[in-house]
N, C-alpha and C. Protein backbone atom coordinates (compact mmCIF):
# COMPACT_ATOMS: atom_id res chain seq x y z
N MET A 1 22.29 15.62 -32.19
CA MET A 1 21.28 15.37 -32.38
C MET A 1 21.08 14.78 -34.07
N ASN A 2 21.98 14.89 -34.74
CA ASN A 2 21.96 13.45 -35.61
C ASN A 2 22.50 11.79 -34.99
N GLU A 3 22.89 11.44 -34.34
CA GLU A 3 23.55 10.54 -33.64
C GLU A 3 22.26 9.81 -32.36
N LEU A 4 21.56 10.49 -32.40
CA LEU A 4 19.68 10.63 -31.49
C LEU A 4 18.97 9.93 -32.92
N LEU A 5 19.11 10.85 -33.67
CA LEU A 5 18.63 10.75 -34.63
C LEU A 5 18.54 9.18 -35.57
N GLN A 6 20.10 8.78 -35.58
CA GLN A 6 20.37 7.28 -36.22
C GLN A 6 20.08 6.47 -34.93
N TYR A 7 20.49 6.87 -34.13
CA TYR A 7 20.22 5.32 -33.21
C TYR A 7 18.71 5.10 -33.12
N ILE A 8 17.46 6.02 -33.07
CA ILE A 8 16.36 5.93 -33.01
C ILE A 8 15.88 5.12 -34.38
N ILE A 9 16.56 5.56 -35.68
CA ILE A 9 16.06 4.58 -36.66
C ILE A 9 16.63 3.56 -36.52
N ARG A 10 18.37 3.05 -36.38
CA ARG A 10 18.80 1.85 -36.27
C ARG A 10 17.99 0.89 -35.68
N GLU A 11 17.49 1.54 -34.34
CA GLU A 11 16.41 0.31 -33.79
C GLU A 11 15.43 0.04 -33.69
N LEU A 12 14.60 0.86 -34.37
CA LEU A 12 13.33 0.65 -35.38
C LEU A 12 13.08 -0.02 -36.73
N VAL A 13 14.40 -0.15 -37.18
CA VAL A 13 14.12 -0.50 -39.08
C VAL A 13 15.58 -1.35 -38.55
N GLY A 14 16.81 -1.34 -37.86
CA GLY A 14 17.97 -2.39 -38.18
C GLY A 14 18.83 -1.64 -38.99
N GLU A 15 19.89 -2.29 -38.95
CA GLU A 15 21.19 -1.82 -39.88
C GLU A 15 20.63 -2.21 -41.24
N GLY A 16 20.76 -1.19 -42.12
CA GLY A 16 21.27 -0.27 -43.60
C GLY A 16 19.71 -0.60 -44.15
N GLY A 17 19.37 -0.14 -45.18
CA GLY A 17 18.15 -0.38 -46.07
C GLY A 17 17.45 2.03 -46.07
N TYR A 18 18.88 2.13 -45.37
CA TYR A 18 18.47 3.94 -45.09
C TYR A 18 19.74 5.10 -45.04
N ASN A 19 19.37 5.94 -45.50
CA ASN A 19 20.53 7.18 -44.49
C ASN A 19 19.83 8.52 -44.33
N ILE A 20 20.42 9.03 -43.70
CA ILE A 20 20.16 10.28 -43.34
C ILE A 20 20.91 11.65 -43.65
N VAL A 21 20.36 12.98 -44.35
CA VAL A 21 20.62 13.40 -44.73
C VAL A 21 20.52 14.78 -43.49
N GLU A 22 21.79 15.25 -43.25
CA GLU A 22 21.63 16.46 -42.68
C GLU A 22 22.07 18.17 -43.43
N THR A 23 21.22 18.75 -43.14
CA THR A 23 21.12 20.15 -43.86
C THR A 23 20.68 21.46 -42.47
N THR A 24 21.93 22.18 -42.49
CA THR A 24 21.43 23.50 -41.84
C THR A 24 21.31 24.12 -41.86
N GLU A 25 20.63 25.41 -41.64
CA GLU A 25 20.41 26.97 -41.93
C GLU A 25 20.48 27.44 -41.39
N ASN A 26 20.89 27.91 -41.26
CA ASN A 26 20.97 29.69 -39.56
C ASN A 26 20.65 28.13 -38.48
N ASP A 27 19.53 28.94 -37.64
CA ASP A 27 18.86 28.00 -36.55
C ASP A 27 18.25 26.92 -36.75
N THR A 28 18.44 26.47 -38.07
CA THR A 28 17.42 25.37 -38.72
C THR A 28 18.15 24.68 -39.00
N VAL A 29 17.27 23.19 -39.06
CA VAL A 29 18.15 21.96 -38.86
C VAL A 29 16.95 21.22 -40.00
N THR A 30 17.65 20.35 -40.99
CA THR A 30 16.56 19.39 -41.42
C THR A 30 17.35 18.45 -41.35
N TYR A 31 16.41 17.27 -41.10
CA TYR A 31 17.30 15.74 -41.01
C TYR A 31 15.93 15.57 -42.45
N THR A 32 16.61 14.26 -43.33
CA THR A 32 15.97 14.06 -44.68
C THR A 32 15.73 12.38 -44.37
N ILE A 33 15.50 11.79 -44.32
CA ILE A 33 15.62 9.98 -43.79
C ILE A 33 15.30 9.20 -45.10
N ASN A 34 16.17 9.36 -45.63
CA ASN A 34 16.16 8.64 -47.36
C ASN A 34 15.84 6.94 -46.77
N ALA A 35 15.01 6.07 -47.35
CA ALA A 35 14.48 4.38 -46.72
C ALA A 35 14.11 4.00 -47.91
N GLU A 36 14.37 2.56 -48.03
CA GLU A 36 13.71 1.86 -48.65
C GLU A 36 12.15 1.94 -48.10
N SER A 37 11.69 1.20 -48.92
CA SER A 37 9.59 1.50 -49.73
C SER A 37 9.33 0.48 -47.98
N ASP A 38 9.99 -0.83 -47.94
CA ASP A 38 9.23 -1.40 -46.77
C ASP A 38 9.75 -1.34 -45.13
N LYS A 39 10.88 -0.27 -45.23
CA LYS A 39 11.22 0.38 -43.79
C LYS A 39 10.29 1.31 -42.99
N ILE A 40 9.81 2.37 -44.81
CA ILE A 40 9.49 4.07 -44.27
C ILE A 40 8.19 3.37 -43.71
N GLY A 41 7.42 2.05 -43.76
CA GLY A 41 6.21 2.34 -42.96
C GLY A 41 6.69 2.04 -41.24
N ARG A 42 7.77 1.03 -41.41
CA ARG A 42 8.25 0.89 -39.82
C ARG A 42 8.98 2.67 -39.16
N ILE A 43 8.96 3.13 -39.99
CA ILE A 43 9.25 4.71 -39.29
C ILE A 43 8.46 5.54 -39.24
N ILE A 44 6.88 5.87 -39.80
CA ILE A 44 6.13 6.34 -39.54
C ILE A 44 5.54 5.86 -38.38
N GLY A 45 4.96 4.48 -38.62
CA GLY A 45 3.84 4.08 -37.96
C GLY A 45 2.77 3.95 -38.17
N LYS A 46 1.53 3.14 -37.16
CA LYS A 46 0.31 3.26 -37.48
C LYS A 46 -0.23 4.90 -37.20
N GLY A 47 -0.90 5.54 -38.37
CA GLY A 47 -1.48 6.76 -37.88
C GLY A 47 -0.42 7.74 -38.16
N GLY A 48 1.26 7.67 -38.16
CA GLY A 48 2.04 8.50 -38.25
C GLY A 48 2.44 8.76 -36.68
N ASN A 49 1.98 7.77 -36.02
CA ASN A 49 2.30 8.06 -33.96
C ASN A 49 3.52 7.95 -34.23
N ILE A 50 4.75 6.81 -34.60
CA ILE A 50 5.78 7.20 -34.23
C ILE A 50 7.23 8.10 -34.58
N ILE A 51 6.63 8.52 -36.18
CA ILE A 51 7.58 9.43 -36.70
C ILE A 51 6.93 10.26 -35.75
N LYS A 52 5.87 11.40 -35.29
CA LYS A 52 5.25 12.43 -34.52
C LYS A 52 6.18 12.40 -33.07
N SER A 53 6.73 11.00 -32.34
CA SER A 53 7.26 10.69 -31.22
C SER A 53 8.46 11.22 -31.76
N ILE A 54 9.18 10.52 -32.27
CA ILE A 54 10.48 11.27 -33.48
C ILE A 54 10.73 12.43 -33.16
N GLN A 55 9.47 13.27 -34.03
CA GLN A 55 9.82 14.57 -34.33
C GLN A 55 10.14 15.40 -32.69
N ASP A 56 8.79 14.85 -32.08
CA ASP A 56 8.51 15.30 -30.62
C ASP A 56 10.37 15.15 -29.76
N ILE A 57 10.91 13.91 -29.73
CA ILE A 57 11.69 13.97 -28.79
C ILE A 57 12.56 15.17 -29.69
N LEU A 58 13.16 14.99 -30.80
CA LEU A 58 14.14 15.98 -31.69
C LEU A 58 13.97 17.31 -31.35
N ARG A 59 13.20 17.59 -31.13
CA ARG A 59 12.11 19.26 -31.19
C ARG A 59 12.75 19.63 -30.07
N ILE A 60 12.42 18.71 -28.45
CA ILE A 60 12.81 19.27 -27.33
C ILE A 60 14.24 19.09 -27.16
N LYS A 61 15.50 18.14 -27.84
CA LYS A 61 16.51 18.35 -27.69
C LYS A 61 17.10 19.36 -28.53
N ALA A 62 16.35 19.66 -29.55
CA ALA A 62 16.77 21.06 -30.06
C ALA A 62 16.26 22.24 -29.67
N LYS A 63 15.83 22.47 -28.98
CA LYS A 63 15.03 23.58 -28.10
C LYS A 63 15.63 23.92 -27.38
N LEU A 64 16.68 22.91 -26.94
CA LEU A 64 17.86 22.95 -25.69
C LEU A 64 19.12 24.01 -26.44
N LEU A 65 18.94 23.18 -27.53
CA LEU A 65 19.76 24.03 -27.99
C LEU A 65 20.26 25.27 -28.63
N GLY A 66 18.63 25.72 -29.26
CA GLY A 66 18.24 26.49 -29.42
C GLY A 66 18.06 26.93 -31.01
N LEU A 67 17.39 25.82 -31.56
CA LEU A 67 17.43 25.18 -33.05
C LEU A 67 16.10 24.72 -33.25
N ASN A 68 15.78 24.97 -34.30
CA ASN A 68 14.85 24.42 -34.97
C ASN A 68 14.74 23.15 -35.94
N VAL A 69 14.12 22.11 -35.56
CA VAL A 69 14.22 20.94 -36.83
C VAL A 69 13.23 20.45 -37.47
N TYR A 70 13.21 20.03 -38.26
CA TYR A 70 12.42 19.21 -39.20
C TYR A 70 12.74 18.17 -39.71
N ILE A 71 12.39 17.49 -40.15
CA ILE A 71 12.23 15.97 -40.70
C ILE A 71 11.36 15.63 -41.82
N ASN A 72 12.15 14.82 -42.80
CA ASN A 72 11.48 14.52 -43.85
C ASN A 72 11.98 13.07 -44.59
N ILE A 73 10.49 12.55 -44.83
CA ILE A 73 11.20 11.10 -44.98
C ILE A 73 10.94 10.87 -46.58
N LYS A 74 11.81 10.02 -46.82
CA LYS A 74 11.63 10.12 -48.77
C LYS A 74 12.20 8.43 -49.59
N GLU A 75 11.53 8.12 -49.59
CA GLU A 75 11.73 6.72 -50.56
C GLU A 75 12.65 6.41 -51.11
N ILE A 76 14.01 5.63 -51.62
CA ILE A 76 14.55 5.76 -52.49
C ILE A 76 14.62 4.03 -52.80
């Protein structure tokens, strides 16, 4: 799932200016996207539509693996 998230974010914002931290606890995976302020808008999208779509895609993948997934965004 990390590779999928990396791919999606890289296609949205280009190379650099962000990093993704993965934390796993039991059957829950949490991804924290640390991004520069000018890139956060591209990741969230108008009305949050892009980040909601990213979450939906990762939840489908996680469900197939029997996991729960959460995404957080922080400004660096």
